Amino acid sequence: MTEPATLPDTAPPRVLLDRLVDEVETVFHGKRAVVRLAVASLLARGHILFEDVPGVGKTTLAHALAQALGLTFRRVQFTSDLLPSDVLGVSVFNPAANTFEVREGPVFTQVLLADEINRAPPRTQSGLLQAMQEGTVTIDDRTFTLPRPFLVLATQNPLEHYGTYPLPESQLDRFLMRLTIGYPGAEAERRILLDSRAVDPAVTRIRPVLGPDDVLRLQAEVENVQADPALVDYLMEIVRRTRESSAFRLGVSPRGSVALFRAARAYALTGGRDYLVPDDVRDVVVPCLAHRLLPAGMGAATLDAHEQSAALLESLLAEVEVPV
């Protein structure tokens, strides 16, 4: 792997993170806000679910992020016949050595793209989600620690339902953020078209600008981001209203509120601050909470439910008094 063109260790987080986002944007055009949220999720030690139509750049973003971070990258296409061992690994007997050997699965990487996760059966989904939660994999009663940092970017197409296994609410809750990318603007699409003339994929031009140690250091920096008590109250009030509002059938769990707090502090760090401001909370409320909620009248966590939850959260944010 190419050594990262790193800045000095003393470079402030804002400089490092701006350089990272700028590098990813050289191939993933016009979506700086999405890139910043993805970086915030990584710094918060969370995982991301991309729910969007095919062809908007989910794979490009995942690959570019891994490349710019100098991290190892694997992609798994989830299908209906995918077994847990195809993702996690398996123990096989070696007759020459007369012993069992563990063959690690693709999950043993630092950035894993789980493409179309909802096409795999629930057993396979659960195996990956457990690894995401615990950072370990157990094969034949032996537990293996996954590489650090470890980031899973899962995708699912919200418009296809035949032959899919939708993630239940309890498993959606394992993703720190659910993001959509959307179609590019005119200028960004022009740059995509021009990039497509090259023989080599554009992502191969990405240079590593950080390394694994930089990522671990920045993840530790998140713990030092200060939050005024008034902002903690603000965040708790948003969560409380999702639990008490008749507009929601399922409110935000304590795990969800912890995720929101962690994501907001990581997002503040991507903005170059070591303290939280109200906009940090507001900007991550929908990505962090919409997929954890179930609006009244909805029976499952579908795309319609997510979109309705997002709209309800926007209304709720307009009602909650912002601390000065």
C-alpha atoms as a PDB file:
ATOM      1  CA  MET A   1       0.000   0.000   0.000  1.00  0.00           C
ATOM      2  CA  THR A   2       1.228   3.518  -0.805  1.00  0.00           C
ATOM      3  CA  GLU A   3       2.499   5.430   2.195  1.00  0.00           C
ATOM      4  CA  PRO A   4       0.248   8.360   3.100  1.00  0.00           C
ATOM      5  CA  ALA A   5       1.395  11.841   2.142  1.00  0.00           C
ATOM      6  CA  THR A   6       0.792  12.863   5.726  1.00  0.00           C
ATOM      7  CA  LEU A   7       1.088  16.210   7.362  1.00  0.00           C
ATOM      8  CA  PRO A   8       3.055  16.475  10.620  1.00  0.00           C
ATOM      9  CA  ASP A   9       1.494  14.724  13.622  1.00  0.00           C
ATOM     10  CA  THR A  10       0.975  18.142  15.147  1.00  0.00           C
ATOM     11  CA  ALA A  11      -1.301  19.284  12.308  1.00  0.00           C
ATOM     12  CA  PRO A  12      -4.676  20.309  13.741  1.00  0.00           C
ATOM     13  CA  PRO A  13      -7.658  18.021  13.053  1.00  0.00           C
ATOM     14  CA  ARG A  14      -9.304  20.652  10.839  1.00  0.00           C
ATOM     15  CA  VAL A  15      -6.332  20.672   8.454  1.00  0.00           C
ATOM     16  CA  LEU A  16      -6.170  16.869   8.312  1.00  0.00           C
ATOM     17  CA  LEU A  17      -9.898  16.430   7.792  1.00  0.00           C
ATOM     18  CA  ASP A  18     -10.206  19.192   5.193  1.00  0.00           C
ATOM     19  CA  ARG A  19      -7.410  17.546   3.256  1.00  0.00           C
ATOM     20  CA  LEU A  20      -9.200  14.194   3.485  1.00  0.00           C
ATOM     21  CA  VAL A  21     -12.530  15.582   2.269  1.00  0.00           C
ATOM     22  CA  ASP A  22     -10.804  17.528  -0.541  1.00  0.00           C
ATOM     23  CA  GLU A  23      -9.059  14.364  -1.741  1.00  0.00           C
ATOM     24  CA  VAL A  24     -12.270  12.301  -1.754  1.00  0.00           C
ATOM     25  CA  GLU A  25     -14.024  15.107  -3.618  1.00  0.00           C
ATOM     26  CA  THR A  26     -11.581  14.818  -6.505  1.00  0.00           C
ATOM     27  CA  VAL A  27     -13.524  11.719  -7.627  1.00  0.00           C
ATOM     28  CA  PHE A  28     -16.801  11.991  -5.705  1.00  0.00           C
ATOM     29  CA  HIS A  29     -18.062  15.296  -7.016  1.00  0.00           C
ATOM     30  CA  GLY A  30     -20.516  17.776  -5.561  1.00  0.00           C
ATOM     31  CA  LYS A  31     -21.408  15.922  -2.351  1.00  0.00           C
ATOM     32  CA  ARG A  32     -19.157  17.511   0.261  1.00  0.00           C
ATOM     33  CA  ALA A  33     -21.862  17.377   2.952  1.00  0.00           C
ATOM     34  CA  VAL A  34     -22.248  13.600   2.470  1.00  0.00           C
ATOM     35  CA  VAL A  35     -18.485  13.085   2.647  1.00  0.00           C
ATOM     36  CA  ARG A  36     -18.270  15.128   5.850  1.00  0.00           C
ATOM     37  CA  LEU A  37     -21.044  13.072   7.452  1.00  0.00           C
ATOM     38  CA  ALA A  38     -19.334   9.832   6.404  1.00  0.00           C
ATOM     39  CA  VAL A  39     -16.067  11.025   7.938  1.00  0.00           C
ATOM     40  CA  ALA A  40     -17.895  12.040  11.116  1.00  0.00           C
ATOM     41  CA  SER A  41     -19.374   8.544  11.344  1.00  0.00           C
ATOM     42  CA  LEU A  42     -15.920   6.993  11.002  1.00  0.00           C
ATOM     43  CA  LEU A  43     -14.500   9.284  13.714  1.00  0.00           C
ATOM     44  CA  ALA A  44     -17.428   8.375  15.974  1.00  0.00           C
ATOM     45  CA  ARG A  45     -16.580   4.672  15.449  1.00  0.00           C
ATOM     46  CA  GLY A  46     -19.929   4.155  13.763  1.00  0.00           C
ATOM     47  CA  HIS A  47     -21.088   2.421  10.601  1.00  0.00           C
ATOM     48  CA  ILE A  48     -23.142   3.789   7.717  1.00  0.00           C
ATOM     49  CA  LEU A  49     -26.165   2.526   5.799  1.00  0.00           C
ATOM     50  CA  PHE A  50     -26.522   4.089   2.359  1.00  0.00           C
ATOM     51  CA  GLU A  51     -30.074   3.833   1.095  1.00  0.00           C
ATOM     52  CA  ASP A  52     -30.264   5.095  -2.446  1.00  0.00           C
ATOM     53  CA  VAL A  53     -30.920   4.127  -6.030  1.00  0.00           C
ATOM     54  CA  PRO A  54     -28.119   2.390  -7.975  1.00  0.00           C
ATOM     55  CA  GLY A  55     -25.496   4.431  -9.786  1.00  0.00           C
ATOM     56  CA  VAL A  56     -25.204   7.517  -7.578  1.00  0.00           C
ATOM     57  CA  GLY A  57     -21.688   6.742  -6.364  1.00  0.00           C
ATOM     58  CA  LYS A  58     -22.001   4.670  -3.193  1.00  0.00           C
ATOM     59  CA  THR A  59     -19.178   2.318  -4.202  1.00  0.00           C
ATOM     60  CA  THR A  60     -17.017   5.206  -5.414  1.00  0.00           C
ATOM     61  CA  LEU A  61     -17.385   7.005  -2.089  1.00  0.00           C
ATOM     62  CA  ALA A  62     -16.545   3.884  -0.061  1.00  0.00           C
ATOM     63  CA  HIS A  63     -13.497   3.063  -2.182  1.00  0.00           C
ATOM     64  CA  ALA A  64     -12.286   6.679  -2.308  1.00  0.00           C
ATOM     65  CA  LEU A  65     -12.625   7.063   1.448  1.00  0.00           C
ATOM     66  CA  ALA A  66     -10.627   3.893   2.100  1.00  0.00           C
ATOM     67  CA  GLN A  67      -7.979   4.931  -0.430  1.00  0.00           C
ATOM     68  CA  ALA A  68      -7.610   8.460   0.988  1.00  0.00           C
ATOM     69  CA  LEU A  69      -7.367   7.062   4.515  1.00  0.00           C
ATOM     70  CA  GLY A  70      -4.740   4.520   3.559  1.00  0.00           C
ATOM     71  CA  LEU A  71      -6.977   1.708   4.841  1.00  0.00           C
ATOM     72  CA  THR A  72      -7.529  -1.782   3.463  1.00  0.00           C
ATOM     73  CA  PHE A  73     -10.756  -2.181   1.482  1.00  0.00           C
ATOM     74  CA  ARG A  74     -12.960  -5.177   0.628  1.00  0.00           C
ATOM     75  CA  ARG A  75     -16.320  -5.370  -1.088  1.00  0.00           C
ATOM     76  CA  VAL A  76     -18.902  -8.124  -0.631  1.00  0.00           C
ATOM     77  CA  GLN A  77     -21.910  -8.421  -2.922  1.00  0.00           C
ATOM     78  CA  PHE A  78     -24.682  -9.722  -0.690  1.00  0.00           C
ATOM     79  CA  THR A  79     -26.899 -12.321  -2.358  1.00  0.00           C
ATOM     80  CA  SER A  80     -29.664 -14.672  -1.273  1.00  0.00           C
ATOM     81  CA  ASP A  81     -27.269 -17.648  -1.040  1.00  0.00           C
ATOM     82  CA  LEU A  82     -24.531 -15.855   0.905  1.00  0.00           C
ATOM     83  CA  LEU A  83     -23.619 -17.715   4.099  1.00  0.00           C
ATOM     84  CA  PRO A  84     -22.279 -16.158   7.325  1.00  0.00           C
ATOM     85  CA  SER A  85     -19.000 -18.014   6.735  1.00  0.00           C
ATOM     86  CA  ASP A  86     -18.664 -16.306   3.328  1.00  0.00           C
ATOM     87  CA  VAL A  87     -18.385 -12.996   5.200  1.00  0.00           C
ATOM     88  CA  LEU A  88     -16.842 -13.902   8.534  1.00  0.00           C
ATOM     89  CA  GLY A  89     -14.569 -16.814   7.700  1.00  0.00           C
ATOM     90  CA  VAL A  90     -14.497 -20.544   8.221  1.00  0.00           C
ATOM     91  CA  SER A  91     -12.465 -23.263   9.907  1.00  0.00           C
ATOM     92  CA  VAL A  92     -11.218 -25.946   7.493  1.00  0.00           C
ATOM     93  CA  PHE A  93      -9.319 -29.162   8.093  1.00  0.00           C
ATOM     94  CA  ASN A  94      -5.781 -29.333   6.726  1.00  0.00           C
ATOM     95  CA  PRO A  95      -4.997 -33.063   6.282  1.00  0.00           C
ATOM     96  CA  ALA A  96      -1.304 -32.380   5.717  1.00  0.00           C
ATOM     97  CA  ALA A  97      -0.955 -30.687   9.090  1.00  0.00           C
ATOM     98  CA  ASN A  98      -3.735 -32.788  10.644  1.00  0.00           C
ATOM     99  CA  THR A  99      -5.271 -29.710  12.152  1.00  0.00           C
ATOM    100  CA  PHE A 100      -8.035 -27.178  11.575  1.00  0.00           C
ATOM    101  CA  GLU A 101      -7.070 -23.806  10.123  1.00  0.00           C
ATOM    102  CA  VAL A 102      -9.084 -20.606  10.110  1.00  0.00           C
ATOM    103  CA  ARG A 103      -9.559 -18.845   6.802  1.00  0.00           C
ATOM    104  CA  GLU A 104     -10.510 -15.261   7.510  1.00  0.00           C
ATOM    105  CA  GLY A 105     -13.460 -13.832   5.590  1.00  0.00           C
ATOM    106  CA  PRO A 106     -13.612 -10.449   3.845  1.00  0.00           C
ATOM    107  CA  VAL A 107     -14.804  -8.822   7.078  1.00  0.00           C
ATOM    108  CA  PHE A 108     -11.152  -8.858   8.167  1.00  0.00           C
ATOM    109  CA  THR A 109     -10.443  -5.502   6.588  1.00  0.00           C
ATOM    110  CA  GLN A 110     -10.573  -1.869   7.706  1.00  0.00           C
ATOM    111  CA  VAL A 111     -13.260  -0.640   5.302  1.00  0.00           C
ATOM    112  CA  LEU A 112     -15.913  -3.131   4.184  1.00  0.00           C
ATOM    113  CA  LEU A 113     -18.525  -2.328   1.559  1.00  0.00           C
ATOM    114  CA  ALA A 114     -21.539  -4.585   2.173  1.00  0.00           C
ATOM    115  CA  ASP A 115     -23.328  -4.095  -1.123  1.00  0.00           C
ATOM    116  CA  GLU A 116     -27.106  -4.657  -1.092  1.00  0.00           C
ATOM    117  CA  ILE A 117     -27.096  -6.003   2.441  1.00  0.00           C
ATOM    118  CA  ASN A 118     -30.849  -6.608   2.328  1.00  0.00           C
ATOM    119  CA  ARG A 119     -30.410  -9.324  -0.340  1.00  0.00           C
ATOM    120  CA  ALA A 120     -28.726 -11.688   2.130  1.00  0.00           C
ATOM    121  CA  PRO A 121     -30.772 -13.882   4.498  1.00  0.00           C
ATOM    122  CA  PRO A 122     -31.229 -12.639   8.092  1.00  0.00           C
ATOM    123  CA  ARG A 123     -28.664 -15.125   9.469  1.00  0.00           C
ATOM    124  CA  THR A 124     -25.915 -13.648   7.303  1.00  0.00           C
ATOM    125  CA  GLN A 125     -27.006 -10.090   8.080  1.00  0.00           C
ATOM    126  CA  SER A 126     -26.912 -10.872  11.803  1.00  0.00           C
ATOM    127  CA  GLY A 127     -23.394 -12.290  11.562  1.00  0.00           C
ATOM    128  CA  LEU A 128     -22.091  -9.076  10.037  1.00  0.00           C
ATOM    129  CA  LEU A 129     -24.053  -6.820  12.379  1.00  0.00           C
ATOM    130  CA  GLN A 130     -22.660  -8.667  15.400  1.00  0.00           C
ATOM    131  CA  ALA A 131     -19.139  -8.151  14.084  1.00  0.00           C
ATOM    132  CA  MET A 132     -19.912  -4.451  13.576  1.00  0.00           C
ATOM    133  CA  GLN A 133     -21.171  -4.123  17.124  1.00  0.00           C
ATOM    134  CA  GLU A 134     -18.442  -6.059  18.907  1.00  0.00           C
ATOM    135  CA  GLY A 135     -15.431  -5.579  16.614  1.00  0.00           C
ATOM    136  CA  THR A 136     -14.739  -9.293  16.907  1.00  0.00           C
ATOM    137  CA  VAL A 137     -15.607 -12.489  15.042  1.00  0.00           C
ATOM    138  CA  THR A 138     -16.048 -15.906  16.608  1.00  0.00           C
ATOM    139  CA  ILE A 139     -15.197 -18.974  14.504  1.00  0.00           C
ATOM    140  CA  ASP A 140     -15.381 -22.409  16.114  1.00  0.00           C
ATOM    141  CA  ASP A 141     -15.282 -21.027  19.650  1.00  0.00           C
ATOM    142  CA  ARG A 142     -12.231 -18.884  18.879  1.00  0.00           C
ATOM    143  CA  THR A 143     -12.637 -15.110  18.959  1.00  0.00           C
ATOM    144  CA  PHE A 144     -10.689 -12.914  16.562  1.00  0.00           C
ATOM    145  CA  THR A 145     -10.360  -9.140  16.816  1.00  0.00           C
ATOM    146  CA  LEU A 146     -11.076  -7.198  13.648  1.00  0.00           C
ATOM    147  CA  PRO A 147      -8.550  -4.638  12.353  1.00  0.00           C
ATOM    148  CA  ARG A 148      -8.784  -1.094  13.663  1.00  0.00           C
ATOM    149  CA  PRO A 149     -10.093   1.279  12.550  1.00  0.00           C
ATOM    150  CA  PHE A 150     -13.057  -0.694  11.232  1.00  0.00           C
ATOM    151  CA  LEU A 151     -15.824   0.837   9.131  1.00  0.00           C
ATOM    152  CA  VAL A 152     -18.740  -0.887   7.404  1.00  0.00           C
ATOM    153  CA  LEU A 153     -20.562   0.919   4.635  1.00  0.00           C
ATOM    154  CA  ALA A 154     -23.685  -1.052   3.744  1.00  0.00           C
ATOM    155  CA  THR A 155     -26.001  -0.251   0.870  1.00  0.00           C
ATOM    156  CA  GLN A 156     -29.555  -1.131   0.008  1.00  0.00           C
ATOM    157  CA  ASN A 157     -31.785  -0.170  -2.899  1.00  0.00           C
ATOM    158  CA  PRO A 158     -35.022   1.249  -1.456  1.00  0.00           C
ATOM    159  CA  LEU A 159     -37.003   0.609  -4.645  1.00  0.00           C
ATOM    160  CA  GLU A 160     -36.472  -3.157  -4.865  1.00  0.00           C
ATOM    161  CA  HIS A 161     -38.455  -5.417  -2.561  1.00  0.00           C
ATOM    162  CA  TYR A 162     -38.664  -8.755  -4.411  1.00  0.00           C
ATOM    163  CA  GLY A 163     -36.182 -11.264  -3.019  1.00  0.00           C
ATOM    164  CA  THR A 164     -34.977  -8.971  -0.257  1.00  0.00           C
ATOM    165  CA  TYR A 165     -34.878  -9.311   3.517  1.00  0.00           C
ATOM    166  CA  PRO A 166     -35.481  -5.854   5.033  1.00  0.00           C
ATOM    167  CA  LEU A 167     -33.385  -5.086   8.088  1.00  0.00           C
ATOM    168  CA  PRO A 168     -35.566  -5.029  11.218  1.00  0.00           C
ATOM    169  CA  GLU A 169     -35.598  -1.948  13.454  1.00  0.00           C
ATOM    170  CA  SER A 170     -33.277  -3.607  15.999  1.00  0.00           C
ATOM    171  CA  GLN A 171     -30.617  -4.105  13.323  1.00  0.00           C
ATOM    172  CA  LEU A 172     -31.064  -0.699  11.697  1.00  0.00           C
ATOM    173  CA  ASP A 173     -30.255   0.684  15.136  1.00  0.00           C
ATOM    174  CA  ARG A 174     -26.708  -0.729  14.776  1.00  0.00           C
ATOM    175  CA  PHE A 175     -25.917   1.798  12.048  1.00  0.00           C
ATOM    176  CA  LEU A 176     -24.799   5.158  13.388  1.00  0.00           C
ATOM    177  CA  MET A 177     -26.072   6.971  10.310  1.00  0.00           C
ATOM    178  CA  ARG A 178     -28.333   6.319   7.368  1.00  0.00           C
ATOM    179  CA  LEU A 179     -27.333   8.513   4.438  1.00  0.00           C
ATOM    180  CA  THR A 180     -28.715   9.207   1.000  1.00  0.00           C
ATOM    181  CA  ILE A 181     -26.557  10.641  -1.774  1.00  0.00           C
ATOM    182  CA  GLY A 182     -29.059  11.787  -4.389  1.00  0.00           C
ATOM    183  CA  TYR A 183     -28.430  12.822  -7.954  1.00  0.00           C
ATOM    184  CA  PRO A 184     -25.506  15.159  -8.695  1.00  0.00           C
ATOM    185  CA  GLY A 185     -25.936  18.754  -9.768  1.00  0.00           C
ATOM    186  CA  ALA A 186     -25.254  19.792 -13.364  1.00  0.00           C
ATOM    187  CA  GLU A 187     -21.628  20.846 -12.794  1.00  0.00           C
ATOM    188  CA  ALA A 188     -20.833  17.741 -10.742  1.00  0.00           C
ATOM    189  CA  GLU A 189     -22.349  15.487 -13.406  1.00  0.00           C
ATOM    190  CA  ARG A 190     -20.287  17.222 -16.080  1.00  0.00           C
ATOM    191  CA  ARG A 191     -17.129  16.387 -14.121  1.00  0.00           C
ATOM    192  CA  ILE A 192     -18.308  12.774 -13.732  1.00  0.00           C
ATOM    193  CA  LEU A 193     -18.780  12.506 -17.500  1.00  0.00           C
ATOM    194  CA  LEU A 194     -15.331  13.933 -18.185  1.00  0.00           C
ATOM    195  CA  ASP A 195     -13.767  11.571 -15.633  1.00  0.00           C
ATOM    196  CA  SER A 196     -15.441   8.620 -17.381  1.00  0.00           C
ATOM    197  CA  ARG A 197     -13.227   9.132 -20.468  1.00  0.00           C
ATOM    198  CA  ALA A 198     -10.198   7.794 -18.606  1.00  0.00           C
ATOM    199  CA  VAL A 199      -9.307   4.113 -19.047  1.00  0.00           C
ATOM    200  CA  ASP A 200      -8.489   3.645 -15.356  1.00  0.00           C
ATOM    201  CA  PRO A 201     -11.209   4.217 -12.767  1.00  0.00           C
ATOM    202  CA  ALA A 202     -11.036   7.718 -11.281  1.00  0.00           C
ATOM    203  CA  VAL A 203     -10.680   6.281  -7.778  1.00  0.00           C
ATOM    204  CA  THR A 204      -7.196   4.971  -8.636  1.00  0.00           C
ATOM    205  CA  ARG A 205      -6.011   8.601  -8.679  1.00  0.00           C
ATOM    206  CA  ILE A 206      -6.788   9.026  -4.985  1.00  0.00           C
ATOM    207  CA  ARG A 207      -3.680   9.457  -2.822  1.00  0.00           C
ATOM    208  CA  PRO A 208      -3.632   8.381   0.823  1.00  0.00           C
ATOM    209  CA  VAL A 209      -3.544  11.614   2.811  1.00  0.00           C
ATOM    210  CA  LEU A 210      -3.982  10.016   6.233  1.00  0.00           C
ATOM    211  CA  GLY A 211      -3.036   6.683   7.737  1.00  0.00           C
ATOM    212  CA  PRO A 212      -4.612   4.232  10.201  1.00  0.00           C
ATOM    213  CA  ASP A 213      -2.749   5.831  13.124  1.00  0.00           C
ATOM    214  CA  ASP A 214      -4.119   9.260  12.150  1.00  0.00           C
ATOM    215  CA  VAL A 215      -7.650   7.868  12.117  1.00  0.00           C
ATOM    216  CA  LEU A 216      -7.227   6.284  15.555  1.00  0.00           C
ATOM    217  CA  ARG A 217      -5.818   9.545  16.910  1.00  0.00           C
ATOM    218  CA  LEU A 218      -8.727  11.544  15.480  1.00  0.00           C
ATOM    219  CA  GLN A 219     -11.204   9.030  16.913  1.00  0.00           C
ATOM    220  CA  ALA A 220      -9.632   9.607  20.324  1.00  0.00           C
ATOM    221  CA  GLU A 221      -9.915  13.383  19.792  1.00  0.00           C
ATOM    222  CA  VAL A 222     -13.703  13.039  19.583  1.00  0.00           C
ATOM    223  CA  GLU A 223     -13.766  12.106  23.270  1.00  0.00           C
ATOM    224  CA  ASN A 224     -12.192  15.510  24.048  1.00  0.00           C
ATOM    225  CA  VAL A 225     -14.890  17.554  22.287  1.00  0.00           C
ATOM    226  CA  GLN A 226     -16.657  19.532  25.014  1.00  0.00           C
ATOM    227  CA  ALA A 227     -20.426  19.863  25.254  1.00  0.00           C
ATOM    228  CA  ASP A 228     -22.074  22.603  27.276  1.00  0.00           C
ATOM    229  CA  PRO A 229     -24.775  21.252  29.641  1.00  0.00           C
ATOM    230  CA  ALA A 230     -27.350  23.374  27.809  1.00  0.00           C
ATOM    231  CA  LEU A 231     -26.538  21.527  24.581  1.00  0.00           C
ATOM    232  CA  VAL A 232     -26.867  18.170  26.298  1.00  0.00           C
ATOM    233  CA  ASP A 233     -30.309  19.300  27.505  1.00  0.00           C
ATOM    234  CA  TYR A 234     -31.130  20.382  23.934  1.00  0.00           C
ATOM    235  CA  LEU A 235     -30.205  16.959  22.573  1.00  0.00           C
ATOM    236  CA  MET A 236     -32.160  15.191  25.321  1.00  0.00           C
ATOM    237  CA  GLU A 237     -35.223  17.320  24.626  1.00  0.00           C
ATOM    238  CA  ILE A 238     -35.167  16.285  20.953  1.00  0.00           C
ATOM    239  CA  VAL A 239     -34.960  12.631  21.962  1.00  0.00           C
ATOM    240  CA  ARG A 240     -37.676  12.998  24.623  1.00  0.00           C
ATOM    241  CA  ARG A 241     -40.122  14.468  22.119  1.00  0.00           C
ATOM    242  CA  THR A 242     -39.706  11.505  19.763  1.00  0.00           C
ATOM    243  CA  ARG A 243     -40.760   9.248  22.642  1.00  0.00           C
ATOM    244  CA  GLU A 244     -43.749  11.289  23.730  1.00  0.00           C
ATOM    245  CA  SER A 245     -45.061  12.527  20.382  1.00  0.00           C
ATOM    246  CA  SER A 246     -48.130  10.724  19.031  1.00  0.00           C
ATOM    247  CA  ALA A 247     -46.595  11.136  15.566  1.00  0.00           C
ATOM    248  CA  PHE A 248     -44.159   8.313  16.351  1.00  0.00           C
ATOM    249  CA  ARG A 249     -44.976   4.692  17.076  1.00  0.00           C
ATOM    250  CA  LEU A 250     -41.365   3.995  18.078  1.00  0.00           C
ATOM    251  CA  GLY A 251     -39.162   6.684  19.628  1.00  0.00           C
ATOM    252  CA  VAL A 252     -35.399   6.972  19.982  1.00  0.00           C
ATOM    253  CA  SER A 253     -33.780   4.432  22.311  1.00  0.00           C
ATOM    254  CA  PRO A 254     -31.003   5.311  24.788  1.00  0.00           C
ATOM    255  CA  ARG A 255     -28.586   3.714  22.316  1.00  0.00           C
ATOM    256  CA  GLY A 256     -29.894   6.176  19.751  1.00  0.00           C
ATOM    257  CA  SER A 257     -29.355   9.175  22.017  1.00  0.00           C
ATOM    258  CA  VAL A 258     -25.794   8.015  22.782  1.00  0.00           C
ATOM    259  CA  ALA A 259     -25.195   7.649  19.040  1.00  0.00           C
ATOM    260  CA  LEU A 260     -26.519  11.149  18.389  1.00  0.00           C
ATOM    261  CA  PHE A 261     -24.266  12.647  21.077  1.00  0.00           C
ATOM    262  CA  ARG A 262     -21.211  10.846  19.743  1.00  0.00           C
ATOM    263  CA  ALA A 263     -21.955  11.744  16.123  1.00  0.00           C
ATOM    264  CA  ALA A 264     -22.520  15.419  16.974  1.00  0.00           C
ATOM    265  CA  ARG A 265     -19.124  15.636  18.707  1.00  0.00           C
ATOM    266  CA  ALA A 266     -17.414  13.917  15.765  1.00  0.00           C
ATOM    267  CA  TYR A 267     -19.181  16.288  13.384  1.00  0.00           C
ATOM    268  CA  ALA A 268     -17.901  19.240  15.448  1.00  0.00           C
ATOM    269  CA  LEU A 269     -14.377  17.877  15.029  1.00  0.00           C
ATOM    270  CA  THR A 270     -14.791  17.775  11.232  1.00  0.00           C
ATOM    271  CA  GLY A 271     -15.623  21.472  11.517  1.00  0.00           C
ATOM    272  CA  GLY A 272     -12.353  22.109  13.340  1.00  0.00           C
ATOM    273  CA  ARG A 273     -13.864  22.665  16.787  1.00  0.00           C
ATOM    274  CA  ASP A 274     -13.237  20.963  20.123  1.00  0.00           C
ATOM    275  CA  TYR A 275     -16.607  22.115  21.426  1.00  0.00           C
ATOM    276  CA  LEU A 276     -20.194  21.491  20.387  1.00  0.00           C
ATOM    277  CA  VAL A 277     -22.541  24.111  18.883  1.00  0.00           C
ATOM    278  CA  PRO A 278     -26.294  23.684  18.232  1.00  0.00           C
ATOM    279  CA  ASP A 279     -25.756  23.247  14.479  1.00  0.00           C
ATOM    280  CA  ASP A 280     -23.616  20.160  15.134  1.00  0.00           C
ATOM    281  CA  VAL A 281     -26.601  18.505  16.779  1.00  0.00           C
ATOM    282  CA  ARG A 282     -29.124  19.740  14.220  1.00  0.00           C
ATOM    283  CA  ASP A 283     -27.031  18.597  11.228  1.00  0.00           C
ATOM    284  CA  VAL A 284     -26.798  14.998  12.428  1.00  0.00           C
ATOM    285  CA  VAL A 285     -30.303  14.569  13.880  1.00  0.00           C
ATOM    286  CA  VAL A 286     -31.884  13.260  10.675  1.00  0.00           C
ATOM    287  CA  PRO A 287     -28.948  11.023   9.570  1.00  0.00           C
ATOM    288  CA  CYS A 288     -28.672   9.551  13.082  1.00  0.00           C
ATOM    289  CA  LEU A 289     -32.287   9.264  14.154  1.00  0.00           C
ATOM    290  CA  ALA A 290     -34.638   8.910  11.152  1.00  0.00           C
ATOM    291  CA  HIS A 291     -33.869   5.203  10.627  1.00  0.00           C
ATOM    292  CA  ARG A 292     -34.344   4.480  14.349  1.00  0.00           C
ATOM    293  CA  LEU A 293     -37.900   5.831  14.392  1.00  0.00           C
ATOM    294  CA  LEU A 294     -41.201   4.419  13.233  1.00  0.00           C
ATOM    295  CA  PRO A 295     -43.942   6.925  12.441  1.00  0.00           C
ATOM    296  CA  ALA A 296     -47.468   6.249  13.662  1.00  0.00           C
ATOM    297  CA  GLY A 297     -49.411   4.178  11.161  1.00  0.00           C
ATOM    298  CA  MET A 298     -46.289   2.522   9.719  1.00  0.00           C
ATOM    299  CA  GLY A 299     -45.725  -1.194  10.244  1.00  0.00           C
ATOM    300  CA  ALA A 300     -42.119  -1.534   9.073  1.00  0.00           C
ATOM    301  CA  ALA A 301     -38.964   0.459   8.491  1.00  0.00           C
ATOM    302  CA  THR A 302     -39.506   1.134   4.792  1.00  0.00           C
ATOM    303  CA  LEU A 303     -38.257   4.025   2.667  1.00  0.00           C
ATOM    304  CA  ASP A 304     -41.596   5.776   3.167  1.00  0.00           C
ATOM    305  CA  ALA A 305     -41.204   5.399   6.936  1.00  0.00           C
ATOM    306  CA  HIS A 306     -37.698   6.869   6.818  1.00  0.00           C
ATOM    307  CA  GLU A 307     -38.784   9.816   4.706  1.00  0.00           C
ATOM    308  CA  GLN A 308     -41.763  10.481   6.955  1.00  0.00           C
ATOM    309  CA  SER A 309     -39.551  10.254  10.048  1.00  0.00           C
ATOM    310  CA  ALA A 310     -37.113  12.719   8.500  1.00  0.00           C
ATOM    311  CA  ALA A 311     -39.923  15.193   7.807  1.00  0.00           C
ATOM    312  CA  LEU A 312     -41.278  14.799  11.345  1.00  0.00           C
ATOM    313  CA  LEU A 313     -37.805  15.350  12.799  1.00  0.00           C
ATOM    314  CA  GLU A 314     -37.393  18.549  10.764  1.00  0.00           C
ATOM    315  CA  SER A 315     -40.705  19.814  12.194  1.00  0.00           C
ATOM    316  CA  LEU A 316     -39.656  18.791  15.687  1.00  0.00           C
ATOM    317  CA  LEU A 317     -36.343  20.649  15.342  1.00  0.00           C
ATOM    318  CA  ALA A 318     -38.243  23.801  14.419  1.00  0.00           C
ATOM    319  CA  GLU A 319     -40.227  23.543  17.662  1.00  0.00           C
ATOM    320  CA  VAL A 320     -37.435  22.844  20.161  1.00  0.00           C
ATOM    321  CA  GLU A 321     -35.862  25.975  21.571  1.00  0.00           C
ATOM    322  CA  VAL A 322     -32.207  26.294  20.573  1.00  0.00           C
ATOM    323  CA  PRO A 323     -29.860  27.181  23.468  1.00  0.00           C
ATOM    324  CA  VAL A 324     -28.114  30.521  23.042  1.00  0.00           C
END
